[in-house]
Amino acid sequence: MHLILHLMAIIFCCIIIWRASDGFEVASEYIGRNLKDGVRGATINAIGSSMPELFTTFWFLFVMHDRDGFAGGIGTTAGSAIFNGMIIPAVVILAVIGYGLAKRVSVSKKVIWRDGLSLILAELILIFVIKGTSLEWWHGAILMAVYGIYVVVMLTTMSEASEDEEEEDDDDDDDGEEPKSVIKSLLTLDLEPVFIRGPINNGNAWALLIFSMLVIGGSCALLVHACEGLGQDLGIHTYFVAVVLASAATSVPDTILSYRDAMDGQYDDAVANALGSNIFDVCFALGFPLFIYTIIFGPISMSPETVENVTELRVILLVSTIVAFLIYVIGQGMGKVKAYLLLLIYVLFTVFIASKAYGAEWAIEFGNMMRGLVPN
């Protein structure tokens, strides 16, 4: 009975995150309206849609504390990064082809090389920064600095949207629709009509953005408790639940945002959002909670089991990212074959995590092999 309740709680959290992310998307699109395609997806959209990972990592650390909390946090961020890199591009490709919008998805090679190589570099830094059995505040500071450098480079190399595009966006805002009931909108978490009662502007866009973040943060607190309870019900460590279920739940906004961008023909943003979200996840969504926690409570001491799990997960993340990157860049465009390959990689990853959770010998051996790739 408890197992069903915890699963229902996770599904409930997915729905809340999904609904609240709609308002977040509206606000972030307006705030980032002057950014070039691909840049907006990798920064504003990526940060906005990755709020669940950030909040979930916070809750794992501050609720479960120390060893278990850090394992759950890195499990969520790394698992989400693998989900984003495999599932989201596959969904985008199959949706575009399925709806007959195109025979294959063509994404700017510049966007793929820029964000793909940035992500691989960020994951390499994650492997070499998070080492040993103790974590200090400066570990988190380094990860945050890496993301800061990435954002600065993105913003300084972009070109602004044209004035005609800005005017067109402003004209689209006023569609003459009747205002919706505030109470009904709140009950259904349709947050846009609550804050934007007329033309959208910086003030109501930021209010919508912040309130959406609070709703997402609250649902992530419930998600952490549900994952902890589900792990106890299944007799496995919460870390394994976080890697698969918490990561998938927190990736709902990324998936929806990329899907909508693809339906609008904005393929660069659809893929850049997934890759940019991963950079945010492995650097800021992990680094910021780690920095705050260690400042308040001191260094985090990790058990040998936690060190083994997070080390092999980081290596698997890096290897899968490199494989996905090659799938993206080889050939012209991305079709069904590439989508199925990406889905297969994620299925194999999920099978490995489930097998490792229950101590399967082959999974333990594979994990040992992954850890062996990291120099001492």
Protein backbone atom coordinates (compact mmCIF):
# COMPACT_ATOMS: atom_id res chain seq x y z
CA MET A 1 0.00 0.00 0.00
CA HIS A 2 2.83 2.39 0.91
CA LEU A 3 4.55 1.55 -2.36
CA ILE A 4 1.49 2.65 -4.36
CA LEU A 5 1.14 5.83 -2.32
CA HIS A 6 4.77 6.78 -2.88
CA LEU A 7 4.48 6.11 -6.62
CA MET A 8 1.31 8.22 -6.74
CA ALA A 9 3.13 11.00 -4.89
CA ILE A 10 5.92 10.98 -7.49
CA ILE A 11 3.36 11.14 -10.31
CA PHE A 12 1.58 13.97 -8.49
CA CYS A 13 4.87 15.86 -8.26
CA CYS A 14 5.41 15.38 -11.99
CA ILE A 15 2.01 16.95 -12.69
CA ILE A 16 2.66 19.93 -10.40
CA ILE A 17 6.11 20.51 -11.92
CA TRP A 18 4.62 20.26 -15.41
CA ARG A 19 1.81 22.72 -14.72
CA ALA A 20 3.99 25.23 -12.88
CA SER A 21 6.58 25.01 -15.64
CA ASP A 22 4.03 26.32 -18.15
CA GLY A 23 4.00 29.66 -16.34
CA PHE A 24 7.76 29.56 -15.99
CA GLU A 25 8.06 29.04 -19.73
CA VAL A 26 5.88 32.07 -20.53
CA ALA A 27 7.89 34.29 -18.20
CA SER A 28 11.29 33.02 -19.33
CA GLU A 29 10.40 33.42 -23.00
CA TYR A 30 9.46 37.07 -22.44
CA ILE A 31 12.53 37.80 -20.30
CA GLY A 32 14.78 36.17 -22.90
CA ARG A 33 12.96 37.60 -25.92
CA ASN A 34 16.05 39.50 -27.10
CA LEU A 35 18.28 36.44 -27.15
CA LYS A 36 19.16 34.65 -30.36
CA ASP A 37 17.74 31.16 -31.06
CA GLY A 38 20.01 28.54 -29.51
CA VAL A 39 21.32 31.05 -26.97
CA ARG A 40 17.90 31.42 -25.34
CA GLY A 41 17.49 27.65 -25.24
CA ALA A 42 20.90 27.14 -23.65
CA THR A 43 20.51 29.88 -21.01
CA ILE A 44 17.07 31.24 -20.07
CA ASN A 45 15.09 28.14 -21.07
CA ALA A 46 17.70 25.75 -19.69
CA ILE A 47 17.91 27.50 -16.32
CA GLY A 48 14.16 27.80 -16.04
CA SER A 49 13.43 24.20 -16.90
CA SER A 50 16.21 22.97 -14.58
CA MET A 51 14.78 24.57 -11.44
CA PRO A 52 13.36 21.18 -10.32
CA GLU A 53 16.86 19.65 -10.33
CA LEU A 54 18.20 22.56 -8.30
CA PHE A 55 15.40 22.41 -5.73
CA THR A 56 15.49 18.61 -5.52
CA THR A 57 19.23 18.64 -4.85
CA PHE A 58 18.67 21.26 -2.15
CA TRP A 59 16.00 19.16 -0.46
CA PHE A 60 18.05 15.97 -0.67
CA LEU A 61 20.97 17.68 1.07
CA PHE A 62 19.04 19.63 3.67
CA VAL A 63 16.48 16.91 4.48
CA MET A 64 18.60 13.75 4.33
CA HIS A 65 21.90 15.50 5.15
CA ASP A 66 25.48 14.56 4.48
CA ARG A 67 26.13 11.17 2.84
CA ASP A 68 22.67 10.12 1.71
CA GLY A 69 21.71 13.66 0.78
CA PHE A 70 24.66 14.22 -1.51
CA ALA A 71 24.18 10.83 -3.16
CA GLY A 72 20.54 11.67 -3.84
CA GLY A 73 21.46 15.10 -5.16
CA ILE A 74 24.12 13.95 -7.57
CA GLY A 75 21.89 11.03 -8.54
CA THR A 76 19.15 13.45 -9.51
CA THR A 77 21.36 15.89 -11.43
CA ALA A 78 23.42 13.26 -13.25
CA GLY A 79 20.40 11.05 -13.94
CA SER A 80 18.51 14.06 -15.26
CA ALA A 81 21.46 14.95 -17.50
CA ILE A 82 21.41 11.46 -19.02
CA PHE A 83 17.63 11.70 -19.46
CA ASN A 84 17.95 15.10 -21.13
CA GLY A 85 20.71 13.98 -23.45
CA MET A 86 18.91 10.83 -24.62
CA ILE A 87 15.16 11.05 -24.13
CA ILE A 88 14.53 14.70 -25.02
CA PRO A 89 16.28 14.69 -28.45
CA ALA A 90 14.62 11.33 -29.21
CA VAL A 91 11.19 12.73 -28.30
CA VAL A 92 11.83 15.83 -30.41
CA ILE A 93 12.91 13.78 -33.44
CA LEU A 94 10.03 11.29 -33.26
CA ALA A 95 7.46 14.04 -32.63
CA VAL A 96 8.62 16.16 -35.57
CA ILE A 97 8.68 13.16 -37.91
CA GLY A 98 5.46 11.70 -36.49
CA TYR A 99 3.51 14.91 -37.07
CA GLY A 100 4.93 15.21 -40.57
CA LEU A 101 6.67 18.52 -39.86
CA ALA A 102 9.91 17.25 -41.38
CA LYS A 103 11.58 14.02 -42.43
CA ARG A 104 14.46 14.68 -40.07
CA VAL A 105 15.48 17.28 -37.50
CA SER A 106 18.25 19.61 -38.63
CA VAL A 107 20.09 21.42 -35.86
CA SER A 108 22.87 23.94 -36.34
CA LYS A 109 26.19 22.13 -36.03
CA LYS A 110 27.50 25.27 -34.34
CA VAL A 111 24.93 24.82 -31.55
CA ILE A 112 25.77 21.12 -31.14
CA TRP A 113 29.53 21.69 -31.10
CA ARG A 114 29.24 24.68 -28.76
CA ASP A 115 26.95 23.11 -26.18
CA GLY A 116 28.11 19.53 -26.67
CA LEU A 117 31.79 20.29 -26.08
CA SER A 118 30.89 22.64 -23.20
CA LEU A 119 28.91 19.84 -21.57
CA ILE A 120 31.70 17.29 -22.01
CA LEU A 121 34.18 19.76 -20.47
CA ALA A 122 31.80 20.42 -17.55
CA GLU A 123 31.44 16.69 -16.91
CA LEU A 124 35.21 16.20 -16.99
CA ILE A 125 35.57 18.98 -14.43
CA LEU A 126 32.86 17.32 -12.31
CA ILE A 127 34.80 14.04 -12.33
CA PHE A 128 38.07 15.63 -11.24
CA VAL A 129 36.58 18.11 -8.74
CA ILE A 130 34.33 15.67 -6.85
CA LYS A 131 37.00 13.24 -5.67
CA GLY A 132 37.91 11.65 -2.36
CA THR A 133 35.63 11.06 0.63
CA SER A 134 35.20 14.67 1.75
CA LEU A 135 33.59 17.66 0.03
CA GLU A 136 34.28 21.29 0.92
CA TRP A 137 32.63 24.60 0.00
CA TRP A 138 35.19 25.28 -2.68
CA HIS A 139 34.09 22.19 -4.62
CA GLY A 140 30.71 23.81 -5.09
CA ALA A 141 32.31 27.18 -5.86
CA ILE A 142 34.37 25.69 -8.70
CA LEU A 143 31.30 24.07 -10.27
CA MET A 144 29.35 27.34 -10.06
CA ALA A 145 32.26 29.26 -11.58
CA VAL A 146 32.32 26.88 -14.55
CA TYR A 147 28.67 27.61 -15.27
CA GLY A 148 29.24 31.32 -14.80
CA ILE A 149 32.00 31.26 -17.42
CA TYR A 150 29.72 29.34 -19.80
CA VAL A 151 26.91 31.92 -19.45
CA VAL A 152 29.29 34.86 -19.91
CA VAL A 153 30.68 33.32 -23.09
CA MET A 154 27.15 32.65 -24.38
CA LEU A 155 25.92 36.19 -23.72
CA THR A 156 29.02 37.94 -25.07
CA THR A 157 29.03 35.98 -28.33
CA MET A 158 25.31 36.20 -29.13
CA SER A 159 23.61 38.64 -31.47
CA GLU A 160 20.45 40.41 -30.36
CA ALA A 161 17.05 39.80 -31.87
CA SER A 162 15.96 42.41 -34.35
CA GLU A 163 13.59 45.22 -33.42
CA ASP A 164 11.01 43.79 -35.81
CA GLU A 165 11.07 40.51 -33.88
CA GLU A 166 10.62 42.38 -30.59
CA GLU A 167 7.69 44.32 -31.97
CA GLU A 168 6.14 41.17 -33.32
CA ASP A 169 6.45 39.52 -29.91
CA ASP A 170 4.79 42.51 -28.26
CA ASP A 171 1.96 42.45 -30.80
CA ASP A 172 1.32 38.80 -30.11
CA ASP A 173 0.89 39.40 -26.40
CA ASP A 174 -2.43 41.20 -26.70
CA ASP A 175 -4.78 38.61 -28.21
CA GLY A 176 -8.01 40.05 -26.84
CA GLU A 177 -8.94 37.01 -24.75
CA GLU A 178 -11.22 37.38 -21.75
CA PRO A 179 -9.41 37.20 -18.38
CA LYS A 180 -9.74 33.83 -16.64
CA SER A 181 -10.91 33.30 -13.08
CA VAL A 182 -8.02 33.69 -10.64
CA ILE A 183 -9.35 30.96 -8.32
CA LYS A 184 -9.83 28.48 -11.16
CA SER A 185 -6.38 29.30 -12.51
CA LEU A 186 -4.77 28.72 -9.12
CA LEU A 187 -6.59 25.42 -8.58
CA THR A 188 -5.45 24.16 -11.97
CA LEU A 189 -2.00 25.76 -11.60
CA ASP A 190 -2.61 27.75 -14.78
CA LEU A 191 -0.45 30.53 -13.39
CA GLU A 192 -0.16 32.80 -16.40
CA PRO A 193 -3.68 34.37 -16.09
CA VAL A 194 -3.09 34.94 -12.36
CA PHE A 195 -0.12 37.26 -12.86
CA ILE A 196 -0.58 38.51 -16.41
CA ARG A 197 -3.99 40.19 -16.51
CA GLY A 198 -3.07 42.47 -19.38
CA PRO A 199 -0.05 42.99 -21.62
CA ILE A 200 3.02 41.15 -20.35
CA ASN A 201 5.88 43.30 -19.03
CA ASN A 202 9.04 42.85 -17.00
CA GLY A 203 7.20 43.26 -13.70
CA ASN A 204 4.49 40.63 -14.12
CA ALA A 205 6.87 38.31 -16.01
CA TRP A 206 9.28 38.25 -13.07
CA ALA A 207 6.40 37.81 -10.59
CA LEU A 208 5.16 34.81 -12.58
CA LEU A 209 8.69 33.42 -12.80
CA ILE A 210 9.31 33.66 -9.04
CA PHE A 211 5.92 32.22 -8.02
CA SER A 212 6.34 29.33 -10.44
CA MET A 213 9.73 28.63 -8.87
CA LEU A 214 8.14 28.49 -5.41
CA VAL A 215 5.51 26.01 -6.57
CA ILE A 216 8.15 23.86 -8.24
CA GLY A 217 10.31 24.01 -5.11
CA GLY A 218 7.45 22.84 -2.90
CA SER A 219 6.67 19.92 -5.19
CA CYS A 220 10.35 18.93 -5.18
CA ALA A 221 10.26 18.70 -1.37
CA LEU A 222 7.42 16.18 -1.65
CA LEU A 223 9.32 14.39 -4.41
CA VAL A 224 12.34 13.86 -2.16
CA HIS A 225 10.21 12.38 0.63
CA ALA A 226 8.39 10.14 -1.86
CA CYS A 227 11.68 8.86 -3.29
CA GLU A 228 13.02 8.18 0.20
CA GLY A 229 9.88 6.26 1.10
CA LEU A 230 9.87 4.33 -2.17
CA GLY A 231 13.48 3.30 -1.63
CA GLN A 232 12.55 1.89 1.78
CA ASP A 233 9.57 0.06 0.29
CA LEU A 234 11.72 -1.51 -2.43
CA GLY A 235 14.60 -2.26 -0.06
CA ILE A 236 17.12 -0.22 -2.05
CA HIS A 237 19.14 2.91 -1.40
CA THR A 238 17.36 6.20 -2.14
CA TYR A 239 20.23 7.05 -4.50
CA PHE A 240 19.01 4.50 -7.05
CA VAL A 241 15.45 5.85 -6.91
CA ALA A 242 16.78 9.37 -7.39
CA VAL A 243 18.88 8.41 -10.43
CA VAL A 244 15.86 7.05 -12.33
CA LEU A 245 12.58 8.40 -10.95
CA ALA A 246 13.54 11.73 -9.36
CA SER A 247 15.66 12.62 -12.38
CA ALA A 248 12.85 11.77 -14.80
CA ALA A 249 10.32 13.74 -12.74
CA THR A 250 12.52 16.83 -12.63
CA SER A 251 13.16 16.59 -16.38
CA VAL A 252 9.48 17.09 -17.23
CA PRO A 253 9.91 20.87 -17.86
CA ASP A 254 12.92 20.26 -20.12
CA THR A 255 10.99 17.71 -22.14
CA ILE A 256 7.89 19.87 -22.55
CA LEU A 257 9.88 22.99 -23.40
CA SER A 258 11.97 21.22 -26.02
CA TYR A 259 8.87 19.54 -27.47
CA ARG A 260 7.09 22.88 -27.86
CA ASP A 261 10.15 24.50 -29.40
CA ALA A 262 10.34 21.64 -31.90
CA MET A 263 6.64 21.96 -32.76
CA ASP A 264 7.29 25.63 -33.53
CA GLY A 265 10.18 24.68 -35.78
CA GLN A 266 12.79 26.03 -33.35
CA TYR A 267 15.03 22.95 -33.51
CA ASP A 268 18.15 24.77 -32.35
CA ASP A 269 16.43 25.84 -29.13
CA ALA A 270 14.87 22.40 -28.65
CA VAL A 271 18.28 20.68 -28.59
CA ALA A 272 20.18 23.58 -26.97
CA ASN A 273 17.69 23.53 -24.08
CA ALA A 274 18.49 19.87 -23.38
CA LEU A 275 22.26 20.36 -23.58
CA GLY A 276 22.22 23.70 -21.74
CA SER A 277 20.07 22.17 -19.00
CA ASN A 278 22.68 19.46 -18.53
CA ILE A 279 25.44 22.03 -18.10
CA PHE A 280 23.29 23.82 -15.53
CA ASP A 281 22.52 20.51 -13.78
CA VAL A 282 26.08 19.23 -13.40
CA CYS A 283 27.53 22.64 -12.52
CA PHE A 284 25.04 24.93 -10.79
CA ALA A 285 22.18 22.64 -9.70
CA LEU A 286 24.77 20.51 -7.90
CA GLY A 287 27.40 23.14 -7.10
CA PHE A 288 25.13 25.76 -5.50
CA PRO A 289 23.39 23.45 -2.97
CA LEU A 290 26.78 21.87 -2.19
CA PHE A 291 28.30 25.31 -1.61
CA ILE A 292 25.45 26.50 0.67
CA TYR A 293 25.26 23.24 2.63
CA THR A 294 28.98 23.05 3.37
CA ILE A 295 29.10 26.74 4.35
CA ILE A 296 26.37 26.10 6.94
CA PHE A 297 27.13 22.56 8.15
CA GLY A 298 30.78 22.07 7.21
CA PRO A 299 32.40 19.43 4.98
CA ILE A 300 30.42 16.45 3.68
CA SER A 301 31.91 13.07 4.54
CA MET A 302 31.01 10.33 2.07
CA SER A 303 30.95 6.61 2.78
CA PRO A 304 32.96 4.26 0.52
CA GLU A 305 29.69 3.01 -1.01
CA THR A 306 28.61 6.54 -1.87
CA VAL A 307 32.02 7.31 -3.40
CA GLU A 308 31.75 4.20 -5.57
CA ASN A 309 28.21 4.99 -6.73
CA VAL A 310 28.78 8.65 -7.57
CA THR A 311 32.11 7.94 -9.29
CA GLU A 312 30.70 5.32 -11.64
CA LEU A 313 27.64 7.49 -12.31
CA ARG A 314 29.80 10.46 -13.34
CA VAL A 315 31.86 8.29 -15.68
CA ILE A 316 28.72 6.75 -17.22
CA LEU A 317 27.35 10.27 -17.66
CA LEU A 318 30.51 11.35 -19.48
CA VAL A 319 30.65 8.26 -21.71
CA SER A 320 26.97 8.48 -22.61
CA THR A 321 27.34 12.20 -23.39
CA ILE A 322 30.26 11.54 -25.73
CA VAL A 323 28.30 8.78 -27.49
CA ALA A 324 25.24 11.04 -27.79
CA PHE A 325 27.42 13.88 -29.09
CA LEU A 326 28.77 11.62 -31.84
CA ILE A 327 25.22 10.59 -32.72
CA TYR A 328 24.27 14.27 -33.00
CA VAL A 329 27.16 15.38 -35.21
CA ILE A 330 27.66 12.39 -37.53
CA GLY A 331 25.66 12.64 -40.73
CA GLN A 332 23.19 15.25 -41.92
CA GLY A 333 20.32 15.86 -39.52
CA MET A 334 18.76 13.46 -37.04
CA GLY A 335 16.19 10.85 -38.05
CA LYS A 336 14.42 7.85 -36.53
CA VAL A 337 17.53 5.66 -36.39
CA LYS A 338 19.34 8.18 -34.22
CA ALA A 339 16.25 8.60 -32.03
CA TYR A 340 16.04 4.85 -31.43
CA LEU A 341 19.76 4.68 -30.64
CA LEU A 342 19.36 7.40 -28.01
CA LEU A 343 16.36 5.61 -26.48
CA LEU A 344 18.32 2.35 -26.40
CA ILE A 345 21.17 3.99 -24.50
CA TYR A 346 18.77 5.28 -21.86
CA VAL A 347 17.06 1.89 -21.53
CA LEU A 348 20.44 0.21 -21.01
CA PHE A 349 21.34 2.84 -18.40
CA THR A 350 18.07 2.22 -16.53
CA VAL A 351 18.63 -1.55 -16.62
CA PHE A 352 22.11 -1.04 -15.20
CA ILE A 353 20.87 1.15 -12.33
CA ALA A 354 18.07 -1.31 -11.46
CA SER A 355 20.49 -4.24 -11.58
CA LYS A 356 23.08 -2.43 -9.46
CA ALA A 357 20.40 -1.56 -6.89
CA TYR A 358 19.77 -5.25 -6.28
CA GLY A 359 23.43 -6.28 -6.44
CA ALA A 360 23.55 -8.02 -9.82
CA GLU A 361 27.07 -9.33 -10.39
CA TRP A 362 27.35 -8.04 -13.97
CA ALA A 363 26.29 -4.55 -12.87
CA ILE A 364 28.86 -4.51 -10.08
CA GLU A 365 31.58 -5.57 -12.52
CA PHE A 366 30.53 -2.93 -15.03
CA GLY A 367 30.56 -0.29 -12.28
CA ASN A 368 34.06 -1.35 -11.28
CA MET A 369 35.16 -0.99 -14.90
CA MET A 370 33.70 2.52 -15.08
CA ARG A 371 35.46 3.58 -11.89
CA GLY A 372 38.70 2.16 -13.24
CA LEU A 373 38.63 4.82 -15.97
CA VAL A 374 39.17 7.55 -13.38
CA PRO A 375 42.86 8.03 -12.45
CA ASN A 376 43.63 7.91 -8.73
